[in-house]
Amino acid sequence: MEAAEFVLGYQAEYAEEPPAVSPTFEQVTGRKGRTLAQWAAGHATELALAA
């Protein structure tokens, strides 16, 4: 039960204040990082087709 509470608490904190995207991502890939929400918005059509 303690582990579940810890995980849920961590996820709640993460949802309220997600960590910043590391600048290393852009250095490695050559493009800016995106949040999960930005990625999902950009793939909404594919996600809708998969549902």
N, C-alpha and C. Protein backbone atom coordinates (compact mmCIF):
# COMPACT_ATOMS: atom_id res chain seq x y z
N MET A 1 0.82 -1.18 0.00
CA MET A 1 0.00 0.00 0.00
C MET A 1 0.87 1.25 0.00
N GLU A 2 1.97 1.24 0.75
CA GLU A 2 2.85 2.41 0.80
C GLU A 2 3.46 2.70 -0.57
N ALA A 3 3.83 1.65 -1.29
CA ALA A 3 4.42 1.85 -2.61
C ALA A 3 3.42 2.49 -3.56
N ALA A 4 2.17 2.03 -3.51
CA ALA A 4 1.13 2.60 -4.38
C ALA A 4 0.90 4.07 -4.04
N GLU A 5 0.86 4.40 -2.78
CA GLU A 5 0.68 5.79 -2.37
C GLU A 5 1.84 6.66 -2.83
N PHE A 6 3.04 6.12 -2.74
CA PHE A 6 4.22 6.85 -3.20
C PHE A 6 4.14 7.12 -4.70
N VAL A 7 3.81 6.10 -5.46
CA VAL A 7 3.73 6.25 -6.92
C VAL A 7 2.63 7.24 -7.30
N LEU A 8 1.48 7.13 -6.69
CA LEU A 8 0.38 8.05 -6.99
C LEU A 8 0.74 9.49 -6.59
N GLY A 9 1.41 9.65 -5.47
CA GLY A 9 1.84 10.98 -5.05
C GLY A 9 2.85 11.58 -6.01
N TYR A 10 3.78 10.75 -6.46
CA TYR A 10 4.78 11.21 -7.44
C TYR A 10 4.11 11.62 -8.74
N GLN A 11 3.17 10.82 -9.22
CA GLN A 11 2.48 11.14 -10.46
C GLN A 11 1.66 12.42 -10.32
N ALA A 12 1.06 12.64 -9.18
CA ALA A 12 0.28 13.85 -8.96
C ALA A 12 1.19 15.09 -9.01
N GLU A 13 2.35 15.01 -8.38
CA GLU A 13 3.30 16.12 -8.42
C GLU A 13 3.78 16.36 -9.84
N TYR A 14 4.07 15.29 -10.55
CA TYR A 14 4.56 15.38 -11.93
C TYR A 14 3.51 16.03 -12.83
N ALA A 15 2.24 15.70 -12.62
CA ALA A 15 1.16 16.26 -13.44
C ALA A 15 1.00 17.75 -13.19
N GLU A 16 1.20 18.18 -11.95
CA GLU A 16 1.06 19.60 -11.62
C GLU A 16 2.24 20.42 -12.12
N GLU A 17 3.42 19.87 -12.04
CA GLU A 17 4.62 20.61 -12.42
C GLU A 17 5.61 19.66 -13.09
N PRO A 18 5.41 19.39 -14.41
CA PRO A 18 6.32 18.47 -15.09
C PRO A 18 7.73 19.04 -15.17
N PRO A 19 8.72 18.18 -15.19
CA PRO A 19 10.10 18.66 -15.27
C PRO A 19 10.36 19.29 -16.64
N ALA A 20 11.32 20.17 -16.68
CA ALA A 20 11.71 20.81 -17.94
C ALA A 20 12.39 19.79 -18.85
N VAL A 21 12.28 20.01 -20.14
CA VAL A 21 12.96 19.15 -21.10
C VAL A 21 14.44 19.50 -21.06
N SER A 22 15.26 18.49 -20.98
CA SER A 22 16.70 18.70 -20.91
C SER A 22 17.23 19.29 -22.21
N PRO A 23 18.16 20.24 -22.14
CA PRO A 23 18.75 20.78 -23.37
C PRO A 23 19.56 19.72 -24.13
N THR A 24 19.91 18.64 -23.44
CA THR A 24 20.64 17.56 -24.09
C THR A 24 19.82 16.96 -25.22
N PHE A 25 18.50 16.92 -25.06
CA PHE A 25 17.64 16.36 -26.12
C PHE A 25 17.88 17.10 -27.43
N GLU A 26 17.86 18.42 -27.38
CA GLU A 26 18.07 19.20 -28.61
C GLU A 26 19.49 19.02 -29.14
N GLN A 27 20.45 18.92 -28.26
CA GLN A 27 21.83 18.71 -28.69
C GLN A 27 21.99 17.38 -29.42
N VAL A 28 21.30 16.36 -28.96
CA VAL A 28 21.43 15.03 -29.55
C VAL A 28 20.59 14.89 -30.82
N THR A 29 19.36 15.39 -30.78
CA THR A 29 18.45 15.18 -31.91
C THR A 29 18.44 16.31 -32.92
N GLY A 30 18.88 17.50 -32.51
CA GLY A 30 18.86 18.64 -33.41
C GLY A 30 17.50 19.33 -33.47
N ARG A 31 16.58 18.95 -32.60
CA ARG A 31 15.27 19.60 -32.57
C ARG A 31 14.83 19.77 -31.12
N LYS A 32 13.93 20.74 -30.91
CA LYS A 32 13.46 21.04 -29.56
C LYS A 32 12.61 19.89 -29.03
N GLY A 33 12.67 19.70 -27.74
CA GLY A 33 11.83 18.71 -27.09
C GLY A 33 10.41 19.22 -26.94
N ARG A 34 9.47 18.28 -26.77
CA ARG A 34 8.06 18.64 -26.58
C ARG A 34 7.53 17.95 -25.34
N THR A 35 6.48 18.52 -24.79
CA THR A 35 5.81 17.88 -23.68
C THR A 35 4.95 16.75 -24.23
N LEU A 36 4.46 15.89 -23.36
CA LEU A 36 3.57 14.82 -23.79
C LEU A 36 2.31 15.40 -24.41
N ALA A 37 1.79 16.48 -23.84
CA ALA A 37 0.58 17.12 -24.39
C ALA A 37 0.83 17.64 -25.80
N GLN A 38 2.00 18.24 -26.03
CA GLN A 38 2.32 18.73 -27.38
C GLN A 38 2.45 17.57 -28.36
N TRP A 39 3.10 16.49 -27.93
CA TRP A 39 3.25 15.33 -28.79
C TRP A 39 1.89 14.72 -29.14
N ALA A 40 1.04 14.57 -28.13
CA ALA A 40 -0.29 13.99 -28.34
C ALA A 40 -1.12 14.85 -29.29
N ALA A 41 -1.04 16.18 -29.14
CA ALA A 41 -1.78 17.07 -30.03
C ALA A 41 -1.29 16.91 -31.47
N GLY A 42 -0.01 16.73 -31.64
CA GLY A 42 0.56 16.56 -32.97
C GLY A 42 0.24 15.21 -33.60
N HIS A 43 -0.17 14.24 -32.79
CA HIS A 43 -0.48 12.89 -33.27
C HIS A 43 -1.94 12.52 -33.02
N ALA A 44 -2.79 13.53 -32.85
CA ALA A 44 -4.20 13.29 -32.52
C ALA A 44 -4.89 12.41 -33.55
N THR A 45 -4.62 12.63 -34.83
CA THR A 45 -5.27 11.84 -35.88
C THR A 45 -4.90 10.36 -35.75
N GLU A 46 -3.61 10.09 -35.60
CA GLU A 46 -3.17 8.70 -35.47
C GLU A 46 -3.72 8.06 -34.21
N LEU A 47 -3.77 8.82 -33.12
CA LEU A 47 -4.29 8.28 -31.87
C LEU A 47 -5.78 7.99 -31.97
N ALA A 48 -6.51 8.85 -32.66
CA ALA A 48 -7.96 8.63 -32.84
C ALA A 48 -8.22 7.39 -33.69
N LEU A 49 -7.40 7.17 -34.71
CA LEU A 49 -7.56 6.00 -35.57
C LEU A 49 -7.26 4.71 -34.83
N ALA A 50 -6.37 4.78 -33.85
CA ALA A 50 -5.98 3.59 -33.09
C ALA A 50 -7.02 3.20 -32.05
N ALA A 51 -7.90 4.12 -31.71
CA ALA A 51 -8.89 3.87 -30.66
C ALA A 51 -10.04 3.02 -31.15
